[in-house]
Amino acid sequence: MLASVAAIYRYPVKGLSAESLQSVDLAPGGRIANDRRFGLALGSTPVAGARAAWMPKTSFLMLVRNERLAALGTAFDDRTECLTIRRNGKPVATGQLTSSVGRAVIEDFFAAFLGDETRGRPRVVEVEPGQAFTDSPDAFLSLINLASVRDLGRVTGCDVDRLRFRANIYVHGLAPWVEFDWIGRDIAVGGVRMRVEERIGRCAATTVNPATAERDLNVPQALQRGFGHTDLGVFAAVWSGGTLALGDAVATIDA
């Protein structure tokens, strides 16, 4: 079986639910459009206005400490720039993230939903153009080898939901952990060329089950116990742009 793209995701608001995509257009040094474009800054985070440069993840509401975020389903409309939040499948709030009124609606919802966890009134913040509220300030895409996820499942004795890892690109058809051999090498993913830069270390956010919002699996501990490290997935940077779509072949590029 040849390696290919099994899934593509973006996360318009940092810490909230994934959105599945059929294809994306990527420019050199670019990211997936609207991926981590917005964040929910803690009330204790100093922000001036509705826009901000990149900030570390500790500035925001996030799964590593606010696991109840996983109980919400969200959808971002590119045309209207509105975010709709659903709980138990029912819409509970909708607001345009680029308007003060719309942001206030979303902020009010999270203030009520999380209470003291927000450390004051949360703020919807939009990242400066060309940046993203990813965990790293670098313009990386995250890539997961689904065979590695299955191998982690072998160690834990249970199926591991791929969405725990909140990656952009999921690949099937590879041997487990072969992606770590790609560090410093170039890969072709559909019409896009990338340089694989580094492994992704995993934190407590992965302990949260995206389907139940419960902390039910210590992923970093399982990785350490089973493989002697806490890494899963790799970061890659686009150096030659193009279109990337579901089913596209994934292969290393020989020097």
Protein backbone atom coordinates (compact mmCIF):
# COMPACT_ATOMS: atom_id res chain seq x y z
CA MET A 1 0.00 0.00 0.00
CA LEU A 2 1.36 3.40 -0.97
CA ALA A 3 1.34 6.14 1.64
CA SER A 4 -1.38 8.74 1.14
CA VAL A 5 -3.27 11.53 2.87
CA ALA A 6 -6.08 10.06 4.99
CA ALA A 7 -7.40 13.30 6.53
CA ILE A 8 -6.83 17.06 6.58
CA TYR A 9 -7.95 19.28 9.45
CA ARG A 10 -7.89 22.88 10.55
CA TYR A 11 -8.73 24.42 13.92
CA PRO A 12 -10.05 27.97 13.37
CA VAL A 13 -10.11 28.70 17.12
CA LYS A 14 -7.24 27.39 19.19
CA GLY A 15 -8.42 24.74 21.63
CA LEU A 16 -11.79 24.17 19.96
CA SER A 17 -12.93 21.39 17.65
CA ALA A 18 -11.38 20.25 14.39
CA GLU A 19 -12.84 20.90 10.95
CA SER A 20 -12.29 18.32 8.22
CA LEU A 21 -11.19 19.54 4.78
CA GLN A 22 -11.16 17.90 1.35
CA SER A 23 -8.21 19.89 0.03
CA VAL A 24 -6.06 22.93 0.79
CA ASP A 25 -3.90 25.31 -1.20
CA LEU A 26 -0.55 26.02 0.41
CA ALA A 27 2.03 28.70 -0.37
CA PRO A 28 5.75 28.47 0.43
CA GLY A 29 6.20 29.16 4.12
CA GLY A 30 2.42 29.11 4.49
CA ARG A 31 -0.20 27.51 6.68
CA ILE A 32 -3.69 26.16 6.13
CA ALA A 33 -6.07 29.10 5.76
CA ASN A 34 -7.83 30.01 9.02
CA ASP A 35 -5.96 27.39 11.04
CA ARG A 36 -5.58 28.72 14.61
CA ARG A 37 -6.54 32.18 13.34
CA PHE A 38 -8.34 32.94 16.61
CA GLY A 39 -7.75 32.17 20.26
CA LEU A 40 -9.67 32.56 23.51
CA ALA A 41 -7.28 34.53 25.68
CA LEU A 42 -7.57 34.10 29.43
CA GLY A 43 -8.89 37.06 31.35
CA SER A 44 -5.44 37.26 32.98
CA THR A 45 -3.67 37.52 29.61
CA PRO A 46 -2.70 41.12 28.78
CA VAL A 47 -4.11 41.90 25.34
CA ALA A 48 -4.77 45.32 23.84
CA GLY A 49 -7.47 45.20 21.21
CA ALA A 50 -8.88 42.41 19.07
CA ARG A 51 -5.59 41.49 17.38
CA ALA A 52 -2.33 40.17 18.77
CA ALA A 53 0.96 38.71 17.66
CA TRP A 54 1.74 35.08 18.44
CA MET A 55 1.54 34.19 22.11
CA PRO A 56 2.36 30.93 23.94
CA LYS A 57 -0.44 28.44 24.54
CA THR A 58 -0.50 29.27 28.27
CA SER A 59 -2.12 32.59 27.26
CA PHE A 60 -5.31 30.85 26.14
CA LEU A 61 -8.08 28.53 27.15
CA MET A 62 -6.76 25.13 26.14
CA LEU A 63 -7.41 21.42 26.53
CA VAL A 64 -4.36 20.84 28.71
CA ARG A 65 -6.23 22.51 31.60
CA ASN A 66 -9.76 23.15 30.26
CA GLU A 67 -10.83 19.68 29.14
CA ARG A 68 -14.52 20.66 28.99
CA LEU A 69 -13.75 22.48 25.73
CA ALA A 70 -13.81 19.05 24.08
CA ALA A 71 -17.52 18.75 24.90
CA LEU A 72 -18.29 21.50 22.39
CA GLY A 73 -18.66 21.21 18.64
CA THR A 74 -17.78 24.31 16.65
CA ALA A 75 -18.01 25.42 13.03
CA PHE A 76 -16.43 28.48 11.42
CA ASP A 77 -17.96 29.99 8.28
CA ASP A 78 -15.23 31.46 6.06
CA ARG A 79 -17.70 33.75 4.25
CA THR A 80 -19.44 35.30 7.26
CA GLU A 81 -16.56 34.76 9.72
CA CYS A 82 -19.13 33.50 12.22
CA LEU A 83 -18.40 30.80 14.79
CA THR A 84 -21.27 28.53 15.81
CA ILE A 85 -20.93 26.57 19.05
CA ARG A 86 -22.95 23.40 19.67
CA ARG A 87 -23.40 21.47 22.88
CA ASN A 88 -24.98 18.02 22.73
CA GLY A 89 -25.58 18.72 19.06
CA LYS A 90 -27.65 21.86 19.66
CA PRO A 91 -26.52 25.42 18.77
CA VAL A 92 -25.87 27.44 21.93
CA ALA A 93 -24.04 30.52 20.60
CA THR A 94 -23.15 32.16 17.29
CA GLY A 95 -21.00 35.23 16.81
CA GLN A 96 -18.98 36.93 14.11
CA LEU A 97 -15.41 36.75 15.34
CA THR A 98 -14.36 39.87 13.43
CA SER A 99 -17.00 42.15 15.00
CA SER A 100 -17.08 43.48 18.55
CA VAL A 101 -20.68 42.37 19.04
CA GLY A 102 -20.02 38.87 17.77
CA ARG A 103 -16.90 38.49 19.90
CA ALA A 104 -18.87 39.59 22.96
CA VAL A 105 -21.44 36.83 22.35
CA ILE A 106 -18.71 34.18 22.22
CA GLU A 107 -16.89 35.63 25.22
CA ASP A 108 -20.10 35.65 27.27
CA PHE A 109 -20.70 32.01 26.42
CA PHE A 110 -17.26 30.85 27.54
CA ALA A 111 -17.35 32.99 30.68
CA ALA A 112 -20.56 31.19 31.68
CA PHE A 113 -19.48 27.75 30.45
CA LEU A 114 -16.11 27.63 32.22
CA GLY A 115 -16.63 30.01 35.14
CA ASP A 116 -13.50 30.64 37.20
CA GLU A 117 -11.37 28.63 34.76
CA THR A 118 -11.26 31.67 32.47
CA ARG A 119 -9.42 33.75 35.12
CA GLY A 120 -11.58 36.76 34.38
CA ARG A 121 -13.52 37.58 31.24
CA PRO A 122 -12.07 35.64 28.27
CA ARG A 123 -11.21 37.56 25.12
CA VAL A 124 -11.55 36.47 21.49
CA VAL A 125 -8.27 37.46 19.85
CA GLU A 126 -7.35 37.31 16.15
CA VAL A 127 -3.72 36.65 15.28
CA GLU A 128 -1.75 39.11 13.18
CA PRO A 129 -1.72 38.36 9.41
CA GLY A 130 0.83 35.71 8.41
CA GLN A 131 0.89 34.17 11.89
CA ALA A 132 -1.14 31.54 13.75
CA PHE A 133 -1.80 30.67 17.38
CA THR A 134 -0.08 27.31 16.99
CA ASP A 135 2.08 25.97 19.81
CA SER A 136 5.18 27.02 17.86
CA PRO A 137 5.64 30.49 16.32
CA ASP A 138 7.20 28.86 13.24
CA ALA A 139 5.12 28.30 10.10
CA PHE A 140 4.82 24.53 10.47
CA LEU A 141 2.17 22.00 9.53
CA SER A 142 1.71 19.02 11.82
CA LEU A 143 1.69 15.54 10.29
CA ILE A 144 0.66 12.28 11.97
CA ASN A 145 1.41 8.74 10.83
CA LEU A 146 -1.72 6.71 11.62
CA ALA A 147 0.36 3.54 11.91
CA SER A 148 2.20 5.15 14.83
CA VAL A 149 -1.15 5.94 16.46
CA ARG A 150 -2.18 2.30 16.07
CA ASP A 151 1.13 1.18 17.58
CA LEU A 152 0.44 3.42 20.56
CA GLY A 153 -2.93 1.70 20.79
CA ARG A 154 -1.14 -1.65 20.95
CA VAL A 155 0.81 -0.41 23.99
CA THR A 156 -2.25 1.05 25.73
CA GLY A 157 -4.57 -1.82 24.86
CA CYS A 158 -7.23 0.49 23.45
CA ASP A 159 -8.10 2.37 20.28
CA VAL A 160 -6.52 5.83 20.32
CA ASP A 161 -8.57 8.54 18.63
CA ARG A 162 -6.37 10.36 16.12
CA LEU A 163 -8.04 13.66 17.00
CA ARG A 164 -6.26 13.64 20.37
CA PHE A 165 -3.23 14.90 18.44
CA ARG A 166 -4.93 17.85 16.70
CA ALA A 167 -2.79 17.54 13.57
CA ASN A 168 -3.27 19.11 10.16
CA ILE A 169 -2.41 16.07 8.02
CA TYR A 170 -2.93 12.38 8.79
CA VAL A 171 -1.17 9.79 6.62
CA HIS A 172 -1.82 6.08 6.20
CA GLY A 173 0.14 3.38 4.39
CA LEU A 174 3.42 3.87 6.30
CA ALA A 175 5.29 1.65 8.72
CA PRO A 176 4.99 2.76 12.36
CA TRP A 177 7.36 5.56 13.41
CA VAL A 178 9.06 5.85 9.99
CA GLU A 179 8.20 9.55 10.01
CA PHE A 180 10.96 10.14 12.58
CA ASP A 181 13.46 9.05 9.92
CA TRP A 182 12.26 11.98 7.80
CA ILE A 183 13.68 14.68 10.05
CA GLY A 184 15.82 16.97 7.88
CA ARG A 185 14.46 15.42 4.68
CA ASP A 186 12.04 16.65 2.02
CA ILE A 187 8.72 14.99 1.32
CA ALA A 188 6.15 15.36 -1.46
CA VAL A 189 2.51 15.51 -0.36
CA GLY A 190 0.32 15.84 -3.43
CA GLY A 191 1.48 18.97 -5.23
CA VAL A 192 3.25 20.34 -2.16
CA ARG A 193 6.88 19.95 -1.12
CA MET A 194 7.83 20.14 2.55
CA ARG A 195 10.89 19.87 4.74
CA VAL A 196 10.32 17.77 7.85
CA GLU A 197 11.81 19.80 10.68
CA GLU A 198 11.28 18.12 14.05
CA ARG A 199 9.35 15.62 16.13
CA ILE A 200 6.32 16.77 18.11
CA GLY A 201 6.51 16.30 21.86
CA ARG A 202 3.17 15.48 23.46
CA CYS A 203 1.66 17.16 26.52
CA ALA A 204 -1.29 16.52 28.81
CA ALA A 205 -3.76 17.86 26.23
CA THR A 206 -3.62 14.42 24.61
CA THR A 207 -5.02 12.83 27.79
CA VAL A 208 -8.42 14.34 26.92
CA ASN A 209 -10.77 12.11 24.95
CA PRO A 210 -12.15 14.31 22.13
CA ALA A 211 -15.39 12.32 22.08
CA THR A 212 -16.17 12.42 25.82
CA ALA A 213 -14.16 15.41 27.16
CA GLU A 214 -12.78 13.09 29.87
CA ARG A 215 -9.14 12.58 30.83
CA ASP A 216 -9.04 8.85 30.27
CA LEU A 217 -5.62 8.00 28.80
CA ASN A 218 -2.18 9.26 29.85
CA VAL A 219 -0.67 9.47 26.36
CA PRO A 220 2.72 10.98 27.34
CA GLN A 221 3.18 8.28 29.98
CA ALA A 222 2.20 5.52 27.54
CA LEU A 223 4.62 6.84 24.92
CA GLN A 224 7.44 6.95 27.47
CA ARG A 225 6.66 3.48 28.76
CA GLY A 226 6.29 1.88 25.36
CA PHE A 227 8.83 3.72 23.24
CA GLY A 228 11.20 5.62 25.52
CA HIS A 229 10.04 9.09 24.41
CA THR A 230 6.95 11.32 24.49
CA ASP A 231 6.86 12.22 20.78
CA LEU A 232 4.19 11.49 18.18
CA GLY A 233 4.03 13.21 14.79
CA VAL A 234 6.32 15.65 13.04
CA PHE A 235 6.36 19.31 12.06
CA ALA A 236 7.01 20.20 8.41
CA ALA A 237 7.51 23.50 6.59
CA VAL A 238 6.24 24.13 3.05
CA TRP A 239 8.97 25.20 0.60
CA SER A 240 7.15 24.61 -2.69
CA GLY A 241 3.44 25.39 -2.74
CA GLY A 242 0.53 23.72 -4.44
CA THR A 243 -2.68 21.83 -3.73
CA LEU A 244 -2.90 19.03 -1.18
CA ALA A 245 -5.99 16.79 -1.15
CA LEU A 246 -7.37 13.64 0.40
CA GLY A 247 -5.87 10.56 -1.22
CA ASP A 248 -2.74 12.35 -2.44
CA ALA A 249 0.45 10.31 -2.37
CA VAL A 250 3.05 10.97 0.32
CA ALA A 251 6.70 10.10 -0.34
CA THR A 252 10.20 11.20 0.56
CA ILE A 253 12.16 13.07 -2.10
CA ASP A 254 15.59 11.65 -2.81
CA ALA A 255 18.42 14.20 -2.76
